[in-house]
Amino acid sequence: DDFSLEVKKGHICGLIGPNGAGKTTIMKMMAGLTLPDNGEMSLWGDSTNLDKNRKRMSFMIESPIIDPEMTARQNLTYLRYVRGVADNNKIDEVLEFTGLSDTGKKKAKNFSLGMKQRLGIAIAMLGNPELLVLDEPINGLDPEGIKEIRDLLLRLNREQGVTILVSSHLLDELAKITTRYGIINNGRLVEETTATELMQNCQHKLQVLTDQPKQAE
């Protein structure tokens, strides 16, 4: 509903809000999986070349789309052809980066949930995206899996300069990686803020008032 979000280049931006607020719907519209009911949609300030600008992005929405009967390498090889990625060396690069290079002939159906999420991110990295859009990538993971994804996103951002838009309802985990936030409720952007400002606003404090400050001290 009249939604506009600025994701600054080089930042990790968290899209936060309660369940049903519209986080996944926003991301699906960005990806072209859902169309707006009305009005005009633009990406990078451009409303006429949406598909062209979508090629500058990669997505993992709700869960990674992988073939459970294929290995990590086979999934990546198939999707390299689908996405038209010419560089064959890119598969080895993303497998190494996501810690999946030693999975060999192990089929994806036997991967842990964390490994599947990392494979999804590896698939998203195939096209060298400027903007990586992730919907609840740590949902359902155990603490070790959460840390693996967190460290992976930080490396992507710092080592490869990828801008990231990530949604989650786990604010304490997002706070460890994000630099900015967009807060959404009922389909509307409530507020844009930096991570520092949000943490300051979320602090719990006990304020004591006294007319004898020296004695109280």
Protein backbone atom coordinates (compact mmCIF):
# COMPACT_ATOMS: atom_id res chain seq x y z
CA ASP A 1 0.00 0.00 0.00
CA ASP A 2 1.99 2.98 -1.32
CA PHE A 3 5.21 1.19 -0.38
CA SER A 4 8.64 2.65 -1.13
CA LEU A 5 11.91 1.45 0.38
CA GLU A 6 15.43 2.75 -0.15
CA VAL A 7 18.07 0.03 0.05
CA LYS A 8 21.42 1.80 0.06
CA LYS A 9 24.21 0.30 -2.03
CA GLY A 10 26.67 -1.75 0.02
CA HIS A 11 24.33 -2.09 3.01
CA ILE A 12 22.52 -5.05 4.54
CA CYS A 13 18.93 -3.86 4.95
CA GLY A 14 16.50 -5.73 7.17
CA LEU A 15 12.80 -5.75 6.25
CA ILE A 16 10.99 -6.40 9.50
CA GLY A 17 7.41 -6.64 10.67
CA PRO A 18 4.88 -9.08 12.14
CA ASN A 19 3.67 -12.16 10.27
CA GLY A 20 1.28 -11.11 7.51
CA ALA A 21 2.68 -7.57 7.31
CA GLY A 22 3.56 -7.98 3.63
CA LYS A 23 7.30 -8.78 3.65
CA THR A 24 7.07 -11.82 1.36
CA THR A 25 4.54 -10.09 -0.91
CA ILE A 26 6.92 -7.16 -1.43
CA MET A 27 9.75 -9.54 -2.34
CA LYS A 28 7.52 -11.56 -4.69
CA MET A 29 6.56 -8.35 -6.51
CA MET A 30 10.22 -7.42 -6.81
CA ALA A 31 10.89 -10.84 -8.35
CA GLY A 32 7.86 -10.70 -10.67
CA LEU A 33 6.16 -13.66 -9.00
CA THR A 34 3.23 -11.50 -7.88
CA LEU A 35 1.84 -8.44 -9.66
CA PRO A 36 0.59 -5.29 -7.91
CA ASP A 37 -3.20 -4.85 -7.82
CA ASN A 38 -2.88 -1.31 -9.14
CA GLY A 39 -0.54 1.65 -9.38
CA GLU A 40 2.98 1.65 -10.77
CA MET A 41 6.00 -0.32 -9.64
CA SER A 42 9.60 0.74 -10.16
CA LEU A 43 13.03 -0.74 -9.44
CA TRP A 44 16.09 1.52 -9.32
CA GLY A 45 13.66 4.37 -10.04
CA ASP A 46 12.71 2.80 -13.39
CA SER A 47 9.16 1.58 -14.06
CA THR A 48 9.66 0.71 -17.74
CA ASN A 49 12.43 -1.90 -17.60
CA LEU A 50 11.43 -4.10 -14.66
CA ASP A 51 12.66 -7.36 -16.17
CA LYS A 52 15.98 -5.79 -17.16
CA ASN A 53 16.49 -4.52 -13.62
CA ARG A 54 15.45 -7.87 -12.15
CA LYS A 55 18.52 -9.34 -13.83
CA ARG A 56 20.57 -7.20 -11.44
CA MET A 57 19.02 -9.11 -8.53
CA SER A 58 18.82 -12.65 -7.21
CA PHE A 59 16.16 -14.04 -4.92
CA MET A 60 15.53 -16.78 -2.41
CA ILE A 61 11.90 -16.48 -1.34
CA GLU A 62 10.38 -18.72 1.35
CA SER A 63 12.63 -21.71 0.53
CA PRO A 64 15.33 -22.58 -2.02
CA ILE A 65 14.09 -24.27 -5.19
CA ILE A 66 16.36 -27.29 -5.52
CA ASP A 67 15.99 -30.78 -6.99
CA PRO A 68 16.31 -33.20 -4.05
CA GLU A 69 17.58 -36.00 -6.31
CA MET A 70 20.50 -33.90 -7.57
CA THR A 71 23.81 -33.08 -5.91
CA ALA A 72 24.75 -29.49 -5.12
CA ARG A 73 26.90 -29.32 -8.27
CA GLN A 74 24.15 -30.81 -10.46
CA ASN A 75 21.61 -28.29 -9.13
CA LEU A 76 24.00 -25.43 -9.85
CA THR A 77 24.88 -26.77 -13.32
CA TYR A 78 21.20 -27.04 -14.27
CA LEU A 79 20.41 -23.54 -13.02
CA ARG A 80 23.54 -22.10 -14.66
CA TYR A 81 22.03 -23.10 -18.00
CA VAL A 82 18.58 -21.83 -17.03
CA ARG A 83 19.98 -18.44 -16.04
CA GLY A 84 22.37 -18.22 -18.98
CA VAL A 85 25.52 -17.90 -16.88
CA ALA A 86 28.43 -18.40 -19.27
CA ASP A 87 31.21 -18.78 -16.71
CA ASN A 88 31.54 -22.49 -15.87
CA ASN A 89 34.09 -21.68 -13.15
CA LYS A 90 31.36 -19.85 -11.26
CA ILE A 91 30.03 -23.17 -9.92
CA ASP A 92 33.30 -24.03 -8.18
CA GLU A 93 33.49 -20.48 -6.86
CA VAL A 94 30.06 -20.47 -5.22
CA LEU A 95 30.44 -24.03 -3.87
CA GLU A 96 33.69 -23.02 -2.20
CA PHE A 97 32.25 -19.74 -0.90
CA THR A 98 29.21 -21.43 0.67
CA GLY A 99 31.16 -24.34 2.14
CA LEU A 100 29.54 -26.98 -0.09
CA SER A 101 32.51 -27.98 -2.23
CA ASP A 102 33.05 -31.21 -0.26
CA THR A 103 29.47 -32.54 -0.59
CA GLY A 104 30.46 -34.64 -3.64
CA LYS A 105 27.77 -37.12 -4.71
CA LYS A 106 25.53 -36.47 -1.72
CA LYS A 107 22.00 -35.73 -2.92
CA ALA A 108 20.30 -32.55 -1.79
CA LYS A 109 17.49 -34.56 -0.14
CA ASN A 110 20.08 -35.71 2.42
CA PHE A 111 21.29 -32.17 3.19
CA SER A 112 20.56 -30.54 6.52
CA LEU A 113 18.23 -27.54 6.44
CA GLY A 114 21.24 -25.24 6.84
CA MET A 115 23.00 -26.86 3.88
CA LYS A 116 19.89 -26.44 1.75
CA GLN A 117 19.75 -22.76 2.65
CA ARG A 118 23.42 -22.36 1.75
CA LEU A 119 22.77 -24.11 -1.58
CA GLY A 120 19.92 -21.69 -2.21
CA ILE A 121 22.27 -18.77 -1.60
CA ALA A 122 24.88 -20.42 -3.87
CA ILE A 123 22.25 -20.60 -6.63
CA ALA A 124 21.36 -16.95 -6.06
CA MET A 125 25.06 -16.02 -6.36
CA LEU A 126 25.40 -17.58 -9.83
CA GLY A 127 24.44 -14.41 -11.66
CA ASN A 128 26.73 -12.05 -9.69
CA PRO A 129 23.79 -10.02 -8.36
CA GLU A 130 24.10 -6.41 -7.26
CA LEU A 131 21.21 -6.98 -4.86
CA LEU A 132 20.48 -10.25 -3.08
CA VAL A 133 16.91 -10.57 -1.75
CA LEU A 134 16.35 -13.20 0.94
CA ASP A 135 13.05 -14.03 2.61
CA GLU A 136 13.46 -15.51 6.12
CA PRO A 137 16.75 -17.34 5.31
CA ILE A 138 17.30 -18.38 8.95
CA ASN A 139 13.74 -19.50 9.70
CA GLY A 140 13.73 -22.96 11.30
CA LEU A 141 17.51 -23.27 11.55
CA ASP A 142 19.32 -24.41 14.68
CA PRO A 143 21.83 -22.00 16.30
CA GLU A 144 24.75 -23.44 14.30
CA GLY A 145 22.84 -23.10 11.03
CA ILE A 146 21.85 -19.53 11.89
CA LYS A 147 25.49 -18.62 12.51
CA GLU A 148 26.56 -20.22 9.21
CA ILE A 149 24.05 -18.14 7.24
CA ARG A 150 24.88 -15.00 9.22
CA ASP A 151 28.61 -15.37 8.57
CA LEU A 152 27.96 -16.15 4.90
CA LEU A 153 25.89 -13.00 4.38
CA LEU A 154 28.50 -10.85 6.10
CA ARG A 155 31.24 -12.27 3.85
CA LEU A 156 29.11 -11.73 0.76
CA ASN A 157 28.58 -8.12 1.73
CA ARG A 158 32.13 -7.32 2.84
CA GLU A 159 34.20 -9.40 0.41
CA GLN A 160 32.08 -9.18 -2.73
CA GLY A 161 30.23 -5.92 -2.13
CA VAL A 162 26.77 -7.46 -2.54
CA THR A 163 23.90 -5.33 -1.25
CA ILE A 164 21.42 -7.47 0.67
CA LEU A 165 17.73 -7.09 1.52
CA VAL A 166 16.73 -9.70 4.09
CA SER A 167 13.46 -10.24 5.91
CA SER A 168 13.05 -11.87 9.29
CA HIS A 169 11.00 -11.67 12.45
CA LEU A 170 14.09 -12.58 14.54
CA LEU A 171 15.23 -9.04 15.29
CA ASP A 172 18.03 -10.13 17.63
CA GLU A 173 19.66 -12.13 14.81
CA LEU A 174 19.16 -9.44 12.17
CA ALA A 175 20.74 -6.93 14.55
CA LYS A 176 24.06 -8.78 14.23
CA ILE A 177 24.37 -8.10 10.49
CA THR A 178 22.08 -5.28 9.35
CA THR A 179 23.00 -1.63 8.97
CA ARG A 180 19.53 -0.31 8.06
CA TYR A 181 15.90 -1.35 8.57
CA GLY A 182 12.59 -0.93 6.85
CA ILE A 183 9.70 -1.56 9.24
CA ILE A 184 6.49 -2.73 7.57
CA ASN A 185 2.98 -3.27 8.95
CA ASN A 186 -0.30 -3.89 7.11
CA GLY A 187 1.50 -3.47 3.78
CA ARG A 188 2.77 0.03 4.57
CA LEU A 189 6.28 1.19 5.36
CA VAL A 190 6.06 2.47 8.92
CA GLU A 191 9.63 3.70 9.26
CA GLU A 192 13.12 3.57 7.75
CA THR A 193 15.92 3.74 10.28
CA THR A 194 19.55 2.84 10.84
CA ALA A 195 20.50 -0.12 13.01
CA THR A 196 21.99 2.23 15.61
CA GLU A 197 18.83 4.33 15.85
CA LEU A 198 16.61 1.26 16.14
CA MET A 199 18.71 -0.24 18.94
CA GLN A 200 18.61 3.06 20.80
CA ASN A 201 14.82 3.19 20.48
CA CYS A 202 14.50 -0.42 21.68
CA GLN A 203 16.58 -0.01 24.81
CA HIS A 204 15.00 -0.82 28.16
CA LYS A 205 15.77 1.84 30.74
CA LEU A 206 14.89 2.61 34.32
CA GLN A 207 14.79 6.35 34.92
CA VAL A 208 15.15 7.59 38.49
CA LEU A 209 14.14 11.14 39.37
CA THR A 210 15.28 12.80 42.58
CA ASP A 211 15.53 16.28 44.05
CA GLN A 212 18.72 15.22 45.87
CA PRO A 213 21.06 14.08 43.08
CA LYS A 214 24.26 14.26 45.13
CA GLN A 215 22.85 12.10 47.91
CA ALA A 216 21.33 9.68 45.39
CA GLU A 217 24.66 9.38 43.61
